[in-house]
Amino acid sequence: MVSTSDSKKRNPYLELLRPEIADMDFALPAASALLASYLAVGALPDPILFIIAVIGGYAAITSSYVYNDCCDVDIDKINLPNRPLVAEKVTRSMALKYSLFLFIVAGLAAFYLNPESLFILVIAVATISIYSAAAKRLTFLSFVPVGIAYGLVPIGIWLAFDPAGILKQPDYGAILPLPAIFLGLMMCFTDWGFTLSGVARDVEGDKARGAPTFPVTFGVPATAKFVTLMWFIGVLASLAIGWTAKIGPIYFAGAILAGGWMLTQSFDFIKTPTPERGGRLFLQGSRYRGIMFGSLILDVILSTVLASYAGILW
């Protein structure tokens, strides 16, 4: 997981939350909650529970960003010298407390919604912490736990609105429906592409600090090809979400158009395999997921409203 930009003229605690990619970080839990409720009960979720889920999901994601910054101060001194911790706008001690606070917010939200969601949250946080605290300095496969952790985020949100029934009233049928599984897989694969794009941008700092990341080990050109493969698989998974959930044309239009654009940008990274192009692709990956999830949100809301209206007429 990487930082997104040099410092902006904004509150340093806000900067630690990566506001440049906030569209994706809010849209993911929102889309997961809406789709799960729509498929489980054919209706939109309770507004209060929906807000709790979105805030909890956002807090879970951003807590990992802050913790990552705490672990990467030495690398960011080279790659992103104006980040809040490096620029000493926030102390490492305060940043660690901030990360813990965000995790507690996420944990309280998850526990309130469904203990199964809290169980997934703990696994996801432990997994992403492995990356930040150790894996990045040990292996070129350090991106793997990042994708797994982010693939678990929509699963945790999903269980809040469509419980698996393992911790309460066990049901030995399907634990998760296919759309939820494809949603998790889509996030996992696209996050491998997303993360490695940013890591490609940071290759010089990682190399200087002895972090054997994928771009350091195999080079940026090879990384660009692998990133494109991950985005291709992720786009296919996004179509599988719509197909298995049987949602409407708005989602498919958004998923296809945004997916096609994202693949075009990925192929451009292959043609121009530079750290700078990787950094741009990183931000473009956030735009893609924001648009794709936005299309899902719009489609589910309209489908639910139209179904309710049809029910009243009949």
C-alpha atoms as a PDB file:
ATOM      1  CA  MET A   1       0.000   0.000   0.000  1.00  0.00           C
ATOM      2  CA  VAL A   2       1.449   3.315  -0.996  1.00  0.00           C
ATOM      3  CA  SER A   3       0.947   6.992  -0.479  1.00  0.00           C
ATOM      4  CA  THR A   4      -0.817   8.923  -3.181  1.00  0.00           C
ATOM      5  CA  SER A   5       0.758  12.316  -3.456  1.00  0.00           C
ATOM      6  CA  ASP A   6       2.963  14.963  -2.017  1.00  0.00           C
ATOM      7  CA  SER A   7       1.542  17.105   0.750  1.00  0.00           C
ATOM      8  CA  LYS A   8      -1.412  19.326   0.020  1.00  0.00           C
ATOM      9  CA  LYS A   9      -2.419  22.422   1.957  1.00  0.00           C
ATOM     10  CA  ARG A  10      -4.822  20.513   4.158  1.00  0.00           C
ATOM     11  CA  ASN A  11      -5.026  19.160   7.670  1.00  0.00           C
ATOM     12  CA  PRO A  12      -2.246  16.551   8.100  1.00  0.00           C
ATOM     13  CA  TYR A  13      -4.665  14.111   9.749  1.00  0.00           C
ATOM     14  CA  LEU A  14      -6.896  14.383   6.701  1.00  0.00           C
ATOM     15  CA  GLU A  15      -3.872  13.907   4.447  1.00  0.00           C
ATOM     16  CA  LEU A  16      -3.058  10.641   6.212  1.00  0.00           C
ATOM     17  CA  LEU A  17      -6.448   9.297   5.050  1.00  0.00           C
ATOM     18  CA  ARG A  18      -5.473   9.568   1.351  1.00  0.00           C
ATOM     19  CA  PRO A  19      -8.294  11.954   0.315  1.00  0.00           C
ATOM     20  CA  GLU A  20      -7.202  11.599  -3.330  1.00  0.00           C
ATOM     21  CA  ILE A  21      -8.719   8.101  -3.377  1.00  0.00           C
ATOM     22  CA  ALA A  22     -11.626   8.716  -0.993  1.00  0.00           C
ATOM     23  CA  ASP A  23     -14.174   8.168  -3.780  1.00  0.00           C
ATOM     24  CA  MET A  24     -13.136   4.519  -3.988  1.00  0.00           C
ATOM     25  CA  ASP A  25     -12.883   4.106  -0.222  1.00  0.00           C
ATOM     26  CA  PHE A  26     -16.438   5.345   0.360  1.00  0.00           C
ATOM     27  CA  ALA A  27     -17.988   3.748  -2.725  1.00  0.00           C
ATOM     28  CA  LEU A  28     -16.757   0.227  -1.899  1.00  0.00           C
ATOM     29  CA  PRO A  29     -18.603  -0.235   1.422  1.00  0.00           C
ATOM     30  CA  ALA A  30     -21.635   1.649   0.106  1.00  0.00           C
ATOM     31  CA  ALA A  31     -21.944  -0.583  -2.975  1.00  0.00           C
ATOM     32  CA  SER A  32     -21.341  -3.747  -0.945  1.00  0.00           C
ATOM     33  CA  ALA A  33     -24.057  -2.852   1.576  1.00  0.00           C
ATOM     34  CA  LEU A  34     -26.607  -1.916  -1.079  1.00  0.00           C
ATOM     35  CA  LEU A  35     -26.050  -4.996  -3.213  1.00  0.00           C
ATOM     36  CA  ALA A  36     -26.117  -7.372  -0.231  1.00  0.00           C
ATOM     37  CA  SER A  37     -29.385  -5.917   1.064  1.00  0.00           C
ATOM     38  CA  TYR A  38     -30.918  -5.844  -2.406  1.00  0.00           C
ATOM     39  CA  LEU A  39     -30.153  -9.518  -3.045  1.00  0.00           C
ATOM     40  CA  ALA A  40     -31.009 -10.674   0.481  1.00  0.00           C
ATOM     41  CA  VAL A  41     -34.329  -8.894   1.053  1.00  0.00           C
ATOM     42  CA  GLY A  42     -35.084  -7.076  -2.196  1.00  0.00           C
ATOM     43  CA  ALA A  43     -34.916  -3.658  -0.543  1.00  0.00           C
ATOM     44  CA  LEU A  44     -32.539  -0.888   0.359  1.00  0.00           C
ATOM     45  CA  PRO A  45     -30.826  -1.265   3.744  1.00  0.00           C
ATOM     46  CA  ASP A  46     -31.931   0.589   6.848  1.00  0.00           C
ATOM     47  CA  PRO A  47     -30.423   4.098   6.480  1.00  0.00           C
ATOM     48  CA  ILE A  48     -28.821   4.085   9.933  1.00  0.00           C
ATOM     49  CA  LEU A  49     -27.258   0.665   9.431  1.00  0.00           C
ATOM     50  CA  PHE A  50     -26.096   1.737   5.971  1.00  0.00           C
ATOM     51  CA  ILE A  51     -24.361   4.830   7.353  1.00  0.00           C
ATOM     52  CA  ILE A  52     -22.724   2.785  10.108  1.00  0.00           C
ATOM     53  CA  ALA A  53     -21.465   0.274   7.528  1.00  0.00           C
ATOM     54  CA  VAL A  54     -20.015   2.959   5.246  1.00  0.00           C
ATOM     55  CA  ILE A  55     -18.305   4.784   8.106  1.00  0.00           C
ATOM     56  CA  GLY A  56     -17.001   1.511   9.528  1.00  0.00           C
ATOM     57  CA  GLY A  57     -15.706   0.330   6.157  1.00  0.00           C
ATOM     58  CA  TYR A  58     -14.032   3.667   5.476  1.00  0.00           C
ATOM     59  CA  ALA A  59     -12.440   3.681   8.932  1.00  0.00           C
ATOM     60  CA  ALA A  60     -11.132   0.141   8.413  1.00  0.00           C
ATOM     61  CA  ILE A  61      -9.538   1.050   5.086  1.00  0.00           C
ATOM     62  CA  THR A  62      -8.004   4.314   6.239  1.00  0.00           C
ATOM     63  CA  SER A  63      -6.643   2.858   9.477  1.00  0.00           C
ATOM     64  CA  SER A  64      -4.397   0.697   7.314  1.00  0.00           C
ATOM     65  CA  TYR A  65      -3.226   3.758   5.360  1.00  0.00           C
ATOM     66  CA  VAL A  66      -2.148   5.520   8.536  1.00  0.00           C
ATOM     67  CA  TYR A  67      -0.406   2.431   9.911  1.00  0.00           C
ATOM     68  CA  ASN A  68       1.391   1.977   6.595  1.00  0.00           C
ATOM     69  CA  ASP A  69       2.743   5.515   6.817  1.00  0.00           C
ATOM     70  CA  CYS A  70       4.045   4.757  10.302  1.00  0.00           C
ATOM     71  CA  CYS A  71       5.987   1.777   8.927  1.00  0.00           C
ATOM     72  CA  ASP A  72       7.288   3.530   5.799  1.00  0.00           C
ATOM     73  CA  VAL A  73       8.755   6.748   7.170  1.00  0.00           C
ATOM     74  CA  ASP A  74      12.279   5.947   5.960  1.00  0.00           C
ATOM     75  CA  ILE A  75      11.102   5.045   2.451  1.00  0.00           C
ATOM     76  CA  ASP A  76       8.772   8.035   2.205  1.00  0.00           C
ATOM     77  CA  LYS A  77      11.695  10.325   3.008  1.00  0.00           C
ATOM     78  CA  ILE A  78      12.895   9.471  -0.509  1.00  0.00           C
ATOM     79  CA  ASN A  79       9.656   8.864  -2.394  1.00  0.00           C
ATOM     80  CA  LEU A  80       7.301  11.367  -0.756  1.00  0.00           C
ATOM     81  CA  PRO A  81       9.252  13.769   1.458  1.00  0.00           C
ATOM     82  CA  ASN A  82       6.233  15.993   2.073  1.00  0.00           C
ATOM     83  CA  ARG A  83       4.029  13.297   3.621  1.00  0.00           C
ATOM     84  CA  PRO A  84       2.771  14.397   7.088  1.00  0.00           C
ATOM     85  CA  LEU A  85       4.968  12.018   9.099  1.00  0.00           C
ATOM     86  CA  VAL A  86       8.102  12.701   7.081  1.00  0.00           C
ATOM     87  CA  ALA A  87       7.491  16.461   7.185  1.00  0.00           C
ATOM     88  CA  GLU A  88       6.963  16.138  10.965  1.00  0.00           C
ATOM     89  CA  LYS A  89       3.475  17.594  10.805  1.00  0.00           C
ATOM     90  CA  VAL A  90       2.344  14.568  12.823  1.00  0.00           C
ATOM     91  CA  THR A  91       4.457  12.477  15.185  1.00  0.00           C
ATOM     92  CA  ARG A  92       4.696   8.729  14.693  1.00  0.00           C
ATOM     93  CA  SER A  93       3.203   8.200  18.145  1.00  0.00           C
ATOM     94  CA  MET A  94       0.152  10.307  17.304  1.00  0.00           C
ATOM     95  CA  ALA A  95      -0.214   8.581  13.940  1.00  0.00           C
ATOM     96  CA  LEU A  96      -0.204   5.163  15.603  1.00  0.00           C
ATOM     97  CA  LYS A  97      -2.895   6.335  18.019  1.00  0.00           C
ATOM     98  CA  TYR A  98      -4.865   7.724  15.090  1.00  0.00           C
ATOM     99  CA  SER A  99      -4.645   4.380  13.284  1.00  0.00           C
ATOM    100  CA  LEU A 100      -5.802   2.580  16.428  1.00  0.00           C
ATOM    101  CA  PHE A 101      -8.707   5.015  16.820  1.00  0.00           C
ATOM    102  CA  LEU A 102      -9.855   4.343  13.257  1.00  0.00           C
ATOM    103  CA  PHE A 103      -9.601   0.598  13.834  1.00  0.00           C
ATOM    104  CA  ILE A 104     -11.692   0.894  17.012  1.00  0.00           C
ATOM    105  CA  VAL A 105     -14.351   2.850  15.090  1.00  0.00           C
ATOM    106  CA  ALA A 106     -14.381   0.122  12.439  1.00  0.00           C
ATOM    107  CA  GLY A 107     -14.486  -2.604  15.080  1.00  0.00           C
ATOM    108  CA  LEU A 108     -17.401  -1.054  16.964  1.00  0.00           C
ATOM    109  CA  ALA A 109     -19.337  -0.633  13.735  1.00  0.00           C
ATOM    110  CA  ALA A 110     -18.643  -4.226  12.687  1.00  0.00           C
ATOM    111  CA  PHE A 111     -19.583  -5.652  16.099  1.00  0.00           C
ATOM    112  CA  TYR A 112     -22.820  -3.677  16.119  1.00  0.00           C
ATOM    113  CA  LEU A 113     -23.783  -4.835  12.635  1.00  0.00           C
ATOM    114  CA  ASN A 114     -22.810  -8.510  12.942  1.00  0.00           C
ATOM    115  CA  PRO A 115     -20.050 -10.300  14.916  1.00  0.00           C
ATOM    116  CA  GLU A 116     -19.185 -12.130  11.684  1.00  0.00           C
ATOM    117  CA  SER A 117     -18.227  -8.763  10.184  1.00  0.00           C
ATOM    118  CA  LEU A 118     -15.930  -8.109  13.144  1.00  0.00           C
ATOM    119  CA  PHE A 119     -14.290 -11.514  12.625  1.00  0.00           C
ATOM    120  CA  ILE A 120     -13.554 -10.631   8.981  1.00  0.00           C
ATOM    121  CA  LEU A 121     -12.289  -7.190  10.011  1.00  0.00           C
ATOM    122  CA  VAL A 122      -9.757  -8.661  12.428  1.00  0.00           C
ATOM    123  CA  ILE A 123      -8.465 -11.052   9.750  1.00  0.00           C
ATOM    124  CA  ALA A 124      -8.218  -8.243   7.183  1.00  0.00           C
ATOM    125  CA  VAL A 125      -6.378  -5.890   9.542  1.00  0.00           C
ATOM    126  CA  ALA A 126      -3.965  -8.624  10.632  1.00  0.00           C
ATOM    127  CA  THR A 127      -3.296  -9.459   6.968  1.00  0.00           C
ATOM    128  CA  ILE A 128      -2.632  -5.887   5.851  1.00  0.00           C
ATOM    129  CA  SER A 129      -0.463  -5.301   8.921  1.00  0.00           C
ATOM    130  CA  ILE A 130       1.794  -8.143   7.783  1.00  0.00           C
ATOM    131  CA  TYR A 131       2.461  -6.170   4.612  1.00  0.00           C
ATOM    132  CA  SER A 132       3.157  -2.850   6.331  1.00  0.00           C
ATOM    133  CA  ALA A 133       5.201  -4.172   9.232  1.00  0.00           C
ATOM    134  CA  ALA A 134       7.266  -6.894   7.581  1.00  0.00           C
ATOM    135  CA  ALA A 135       6.465  -8.329   4.143  1.00  0.00           C
ATOM    136  CA  LYS A 136       7.480  -5.261   2.147  1.00  0.00           C
ATOM    137  CA  ARG A 137      11.011  -5.582   3.510  1.00  0.00           C
ATOM    138  CA  LEU A 138      11.221  -9.338   2.972  1.00  0.00           C
ATOM    139  CA  THR A 139       9.696 -10.483  -0.316  1.00  0.00           C
ATOM    140  CA  PHE A 140       8.578  -9.394  -3.777  1.00  0.00           C
ATOM    141  CA  LEU A 141       5.261 -11.092  -2.955  1.00  0.00           C
ATOM    142  CA  SER A 142       4.478  -8.439  -0.366  1.00  0.00           C
ATOM    143  CA  PHE A 143       1.572  -7.186  -2.494  1.00  0.00           C
ATOM    144  CA  VAL A 144      -0.302 -10.477  -1.956  1.00  0.00           C
ATOM    145  CA  PRO A 145      -1.601  -9.772   1.579  1.00  0.00           C
ATOM    146  CA  VAL A 146      -2.712  -6.300   0.470  1.00  0.00           C
ATOM    147  CA  GLY A 147      -5.077  -7.720  -2.137  1.00  0.00           C
ATOM    148  CA  ILE A 148      -6.352 -10.391   0.230  1.00  0.00           C
ATOM    149  CA  ALA A 149      -7.082  -7.804   2.916  1.00  0.00           C
ATOM    150  CA  TYR A 150      -8.959  -5.535   0.535  1.00  0.00           C
ATOM    151  CA  GLY A 151     -10.829  -8.487  -0.918  1.00  0.00           C
ATOM    152  CA  LEU A 152     -12.116  -9.161   2.586  1.00  0.00           C
ATOM    153  CA  VAL A 153     -13.505  -5.631   3.024  1.00  0.00           C
ATOM    154  CA  PRO A 154     -16.637  -6.121   0.877  1.00  0.00           C
ATOM    155  CA  ILE A 155     -17.125  -9.566   2.433  1.00  0.00           C
ATOM    156  CA  GLY A 156     -17.222  -8.036   5.903  1.00  0.00           C
ATOM    157  CA  ILE A 157     -19.715  -5.397   4.773  1.00  0.00           C
ATOM    158  CA  TRP A 158     -21.793  -8.024   2.975  1.00  0.00           C
ATOM    159  CA  LEU A 159     -22.123 -10.165   6.091  1.00  0.00           C
ATOM    160  CA  ALA A 160     -23.557  -7.186   7.961  1.00  0.00           C
ATOM    161  CA  PHE A 161     -26.618  -7.261   5.691  1.00  0.00           C
ATOM    162  CA  ASP A 162     -26.681 -10.902   4.635  1.00  0.00           C
ATOM    163  CA  PRO A 163     -25.258 -12.942   7.561  1.00  0.00           C
ATOM    164  CA  ALA A 164     -23.681 -16.303   6.864  1.00  0.00           C
ATOM    165  CA  GLY A 165     -25.201 -17.686  10.076  1.00  0.00           C
ATOM    166  CA  ILE A 166     -22.008 -19.322  11.318  1.00  0.00           C
ATOM    167  CA  LEU A 167     -21.672 -17.531  14.645  1.00  0.00           C
ATOM    168  CA  LYS A 168     -25.417 -17.480  15.266  1.00  0.00           C
ATOM    169  CA  GLN A 169     -28.019 -20.047  14.138  1.00  0.00           C
ATOM    170  CA  PRO A 170     -25.644 -22.116  11.978  1.00  0.00           C
ATOM    171  CA  ASP A 171     -26.793 -22.739   8.447  1.00  0.00           C
ATOM    172  CA  TYR A 172     -24.785 -25.316   6.554  1.00  0.00           C
ATOM    173  CA  GLY A 173     -25.862 -24.051   3.167  1.00  0.00           C
ATOM    174  CA  ALA A 174     -23.940 -21.535   1.099  1.00  0.00           C
ATOM    175  CA  ILE A 175     -21.913 -19.176   3.304  1.00  0.00           C
ATOM    176  CA  LEU A 176     -21.751 -16.465   0.639  1.00  0.00           C
ATOM    177  CA  PRO A 177     -23.675 -16.027  -2.620  1.00  0.00           C
ATOM    178  CA  LEU A 178     -21.742 -15.879  -5.879  1.00  0.00           C
ATOM    179  CA  PRO A 179     -22.004 -12.072  -6.283  1.00  0.00           C
ATOM    180  CA  ALA A 180     -20.315 -11.602  -2.902  1.00  0.00           C
ATOM    181  CA  ILE A 181     -17.545 -14.022  -3.858  1.00  0.00           C
ATOM    182  CA  PHE A 182     -16.935 -12.263  -7.184  1.00  0.00           C
ATOM    183  CA  LEU A 183     -17.004  -8.904  -5.394  1.00  0.00           C
ATOM    184  CA  GLY A 184     -14.237 -10.068  -3.082  1.00  0.00           C
ATOM    185  CA  LEU A 185     -12.231 -11.538  -5.961  1.00  0.00           C
ATOM    186  CA  MET A 186     -12.620  -8.368  -8.016  1.00  0.00           C
ATOM    187  CA  MET A 187     -11.275  -6.270  -5.149  1.00  0.00           C
ATOM    188  CA  CYS A 188      -8.400  -8.690  -4.560  1.00  0.00           C
ATOM    189  CA  PHE A 189      -7.175  -8.826  -8.167  1.00  0.00           C
ATOM    190  CA  THR A 190      -7.677  -5.134  -8.924  1.00  0.00           C
ATOM    191  CA  ASP A 191      -5.896  -4.240  -5.699  1.00  0.00           C
ATOM    192  CA  TRP A 192      -2.867  -6.229  -6.787  1.00  0.00           C
ATOM    193  CA  GLY A 193      -2.821  -4.094  -9.925  1.00  0.00           C
ATOM    194  CA  PHE A 194      -3.645  -0.943  -7.984  1.00  0.00           C
ATOM    195  CA  THR A 195      -0.985  -1.451  -5.307  1.00  0.00           C
ATOM    196  CA  LEU A 196       1.795  -2.504  -7.671  1.00  0.00           C
ATOM    197  CA  SER A 197       1.167   0.569  -9.831  1.00  0.00           C
ATOM    198  CA  GLY A 198       1.949   2.743  -6.826  1.00  0.00           C
ATOM    199  CA  VAL A 199       4.849   0.559  -5.775  1.00  0.00           C
ATOM    200  CA  ALA A 200       6.284   1.003  -9.280  1.00  0.00           C
ATOM    201  CA  ARG A 201       6.213   4.737  -8.713  1.00  0.00           C
ATOM    202  CA  ASP A 202       8.127   4.285  -5.455  1.00  0.00           C
ATOM    203  CA  VAL A 203      10.742   1.917  -6.899  1.00  0.00           C
ATOM    204  CA  GLU A 204      13.756   4.163  -6.294  1.00  0.00           C
ATOM    205  CA  GLY A 205      13.007   4.700  -2.618  1.00  0.00           C
ATOM    206  CA  ASP A 206      12.297   1.011  -2.074  1.00  0.00           C
ATOM    207  CA  LYS A 207      15.537   0.080  -3.801  1.00  0.00           C
ATOM    208  CA  ALA A 208      17.521   2.557  -1.719  1.00  0.00           C
ATOM    209  CA  ARG A 209      16.078   1.144   1.516  1.00  0.00           C
ATOM    210  CA  GLY A 210      16.539  -2.481   0.506  1.00  0.00           C
ATOM    211  CA  ALA A 211      12.857  -3.352   0.123  1.00  0.00           C
ATOM    212  CA  PRO A 212      12.665  -6.171  -2.468  1.00  0.00           C
ATOM    213  CA  THR A 213       9.308  -5.191  -3.935  1.00  0.00           C
ATOM    214  CA  PHE A 214       8.071  -6.608  -7.235  1.00  0.00           C
ATOM    215  CA  PRO A 215       9.294  -3.588  -9.288  1.00  0.00           C
ATOM    216  CA  VAL A 216      12.673  -3.636  -7.528  1.00  0.00           C
ATOM    217  CA  THR A 217      13.076  -7.370  -8.136  1.00  0.00           C
ATOM    218  CA  PHE A 218      11.727  -7.682 -11.686  1.00  0.00           C
ATOM    219  CA  GLY A 219      11.750  -4.120 -13.004  1.00  0.00           C
ATOM    220  CA  VAL A 220       8.988  -1.683 -13.897  1.00  0.00           C
ATOM    221  CA  PRO A 221       8.355  -3.125 -17.430  1.00  0.00           C
ATOM    222  CA  ALA A 222       7.583  -6.582 -16.014  1.00  0.00           C
ATOM    223  CA  THR A 223       5.476  -4.972 -13.305  1.00  0.00           C
ATOM    224  CA  ALA A 224       3.445  -3.106 -15.927  1.00  0.00           C
ATOM    225  CA  LYS A 225       2.589  -6.391 -17.662  1.00  0.00           C
ATOM    226  CA  PHE A 226       1.610  -8.083 -14.412  1.00  0.00           C
ATOM    227  CA  VAL A 227      -0.461  -5.064 -13.383  1.00  0.00           C
ATOM    228  CA  THR A 228      -2.344  -5.167 -16.691  1.00  0.00           C
ATOM    229  CA  LEU A 229      -3.098  -8.867 -16.231  1.00  0.00           C
ATOM    230  CA  MET A 230      -4.505  -8.176 -12.761  1.00  0.00           C
ATOM    231  CA  TRP A 231      -6.723  -5.383 -14.057  1.00  0.00           C
ATOM    232  CA  PHE A 232      -7.949  -7.609 -16.880  1.00  0.00           C
ATOM    233  CA  ILE A 233      -8.960 -10.357 -14.442  1.00  0.00           C
ATOM    234  CA  GLY A 234     -10.528  -7.751 -12.160  1.00  0.00           C
ATOM    235  CA  VAL A 235     -12.636  -6.294 -14.969  1.00  0.00           C
ATOM    236  CA  LEU A 236     -13.869  -9.784 -15.867  1.00  0.00           C
ATOM    237  CA  ALA A 237     -14.768 -10.341 -12.196  1.00  0.00           C
ATOM    238  CA  SER A 238     -16.699  -7.062 -12.184  1.00  0.00           C
ATOM    239  CA  LEU A 239     -18.829  -8.353 -15.070  1.00  0.00           C
ATOM    240  CA  ALA A 240     -19.343 -11.623 -13.193  1.00  0.00           C
ATOM    241  CA  ILE A 241     -20.737  -9.611 -10.259  1.00  0.00           C
ATOM    242  CA  GLY A 242     -23.427  -8.118 -12.473  1.00  0.00           C
ATOM    243  CA  TRP A 243     -24.140 -11.403 -14.231  1.00  0.00           C
ATOM    244  CA  THR A 244     -24.603 -13.462 -11.071  1.00  0.00           C
ATOM    245  CA  ALA A 245     -26.495 -10.688  -9.243  1.00  0.00           C
ATOM    246  CA  LYS A 246     -28.733 -10.095 -12.284  1.00  0.00           C
ATOM    247  CA  ILE A 247     -28.525  -6.347 -11.904  1.00  0.00           C
ATOM    248  CA  GLY A 248     -29.385  -3.956 -14.683  1.00  0.00           C
ATOM    249  CA  PRO A 249     -27.875  -2.127 -17.652  1.00  0.00           C
ATOM    250  CA  ILE A 250     -26.647   0.913 -15.732  1.00  0.00           C
ATOM    251  CA  TYR A 251     -24.124  -1.195 -13.866  1.00  0.00           C
ATOM    252  CA  PHE A 252     -22.997  -3.065 -16.960  1.00  0.00           C
ATOM    253  CA  ALA A 253     -22.587   0.189 -18.890  1.00  0.00           C
ATOM    254  CA  GLY A 254     -20.467   1.664 -16.107  1.00  0.00           C
ATOM    255  CA  ALA A 255     -18.463  -1.521 -15.582  1.00  0.00           C
ATOM    256  CA  ILE A 256     -17.754  -2.013 -19.296  1.00  0.00           C
ATOM    257  CA  LEU A 257     -16.932   1.608 -20.113  1.00  0.00           C
ATOM    258  CA  ALA A 258     -14.835   2.167 -16.991  1.00  0.00           C
ATOM    259  CA  GLY A 259     -13.195  -1.250 -17.363  1.00  0.00           C
ATOM    260  CA  GLY A 260     -12.319  -0.609 -21.003  1.00  0.00           C
ATOM    261  CA  TRP A 261     -10.830   2.760 -20.085  1.00  0.00           C
ATOM    262  CA  MET A 262      -8.828   1.206 -17.252  1.00  0.00           C
ATOM    263  CA  LEU A 263      -7.402  -1.483 -19.509  1.00  0.00           C
ATOM    264  CA  THR A 264      -6.442   1.173 -22.044  1.00  0.00           C
ATOM    265  CA  GLN A 265      -4.526   3.010 -19.325  1.00  0.00           C
ATOM    266  CA  SER A 266      -2.861  -0.232 -18.235  1.00  0.00           C
ATOM    267  CA  PHE A 267      -1.683  -0.979 -21.785  1.00  0.00           C
ATOM    268  CA  ASP A 268      -0.298   2.549 -21.906  1.00  0.00           C
ATOM    269  CA  PHE A 269       1.711   1.689 -18.782  1.00  0.00           C
ATOM    270  CA  ILE A 270       3.177  -1.263 -20.708  1.00  0.00           C
ATOM    271  CA  LYS A 271       4.119   1.099 -23.546  1.00  0.00           C
ATOM    272  CA  THR A 272       5.544   3.646 -21.094  1.00  0.00           C
ATOM    273  CA  PRO A 273       6.891   1.607 -18.165  1.00  0.00           C
ATOM    274  CA  THR A 274       8.130   4.435 -15.988  1.00  0.00           C
ATOM    275  CA  PRO A 275       7.649   5.081 -12.265  1.00  0.00           C
ATOM    276  CA  GLU A 276       5.753   8.272 -13.093  1.00  0.00           C
ATOM    277  CA  ARG A 277       3.279   6.412 -15.326  1.00  0.00           C
ATOM    278  CA  GLY A 278       2.782   3.854 -12.581  1.00  0.00           C
ATOM    279  CA  GLY A 279       1.876   6.645 -10.185  1.00  0.00           C
ATOM    280  CA  ARG A 280      -0.728   7.991 -12.610  1.00  0.00           C
ATOM    281  CA  LEU A 281      -2.167   4.519 -13.103  1.00  0.00           C
ATOM    282  CA  PHE A 282      -2.458   4.173  -9.330  1.00  0.00           C
ATOM    283  CA  LEU A 283      -4.742   7.206  -9.163  1.00  0.00           C
ATOM    284  CA  GLN A 284      -6.604   6.116 -12.289  1.00  0.00           C
ATOM    285  CA  GLY A 285      -7.304   2.793 -10.612  1.00  0.00           C
ATOM    286  CA  SER A 286      -9.114   4.647  -7.855  1.00  0.00           C
ATOM    287  CA  ARG A 287     -11.197   6.542 -10.423  1.00  0.00           C
ATOM    288  CA  TYR A 288     -12.098   3.267 -12.164  1.00  0.00           C
ATOM    289  CA  ARG A 289     -13.290   1.605  -8.976  1.00  0.00           C
ATOM    290  CA  GLY A 290     -15.152   4.734  -7.903  1.00  0.00           C
ATOM    291  CA  ILE A 291     -17.040   4.849 -11.208  1.00  0.00           C
ATOM    292  CA  MET A 292     -17.695   1.120 -11.271  1.00  0.00           C
ATOM    293  CA  PHE A 293     -19.037   1.067  -7.717  1.00  0.00           C
ATOM    294  CA  GLY A 294     -20.957   4.267  -8.393  1.00  0.00           C
ATOM    295  CA  SER A 295     -22.682   2.554 -11.312  1.00  0.00           C
ATOM    296  CA  LEU A 296     -23.574  -0.374  -9.064  1.00  0.00           C
ATOM    297  CA  ILE A 297     -24.994   1.961  -6.413  1.00  0.00           C
ATOM    298  CA  LEU A 298     -27.111   3.829  -8.953  1.00  0.00           C
ATOM    299  CA  ASP A 299     -28.364   0.624 -10.562  1.00  0.00           C
ATOM    300  CA  VAL A 300     -29.391  -0.991  -7.273  1.00  0.00           C
ATOM    301  CA  ILE A 301     -31.149   2.141  -6.021  1.00  0.00           C
ATOM    302  CA  LEU A 302     -33.104   2.608  -9.262  1.00  0.00           C
ATOM    303  CA  SER A 303     -33.964  -1.098  -9.485  1.00  0.00           C
ATOM    304  CA  THR A 304     -35.262  -1.089  -5.919  1.00  0.00           C
ATOM    305  CA  VAL A 305     -37.285   2.094  -6.394  1.00  0.00           C
ATOM    306  CA  LEU A 306     -38.790   0.863  -9.662  1.00  0.00           C
ATOM    307  CA  ALA A 307     -39.660  -2.512  -8.140  1.00  0.00           C
ATOM    308  CA  SER A 308     -41.373  -0.787  -5.207  1.00  0.00           C
ATOM    309  CA  TYR A 309     -43.265   1.519  -7.564  1.00  0.00           C
ATOM    310  CA  ALA A 310     -44.363  -1.433  -9.712  1.00  0.00           C
ATOM    311  CA  GLY A 311     -45.539  -3.220  -6.586  1.00  0.00           C
ATOM    312  CA  ILE A 312     -47.695  -0.239  -5.607  1.00  0.00           C
ATOM    313  CA  LEU A 313     -49.243  -0.064  -9.082  1.00  0.00           C
ATOM    314  CA  TRP A 314     -50.101  -3.740  -9.064  1.00  0.00           C
END
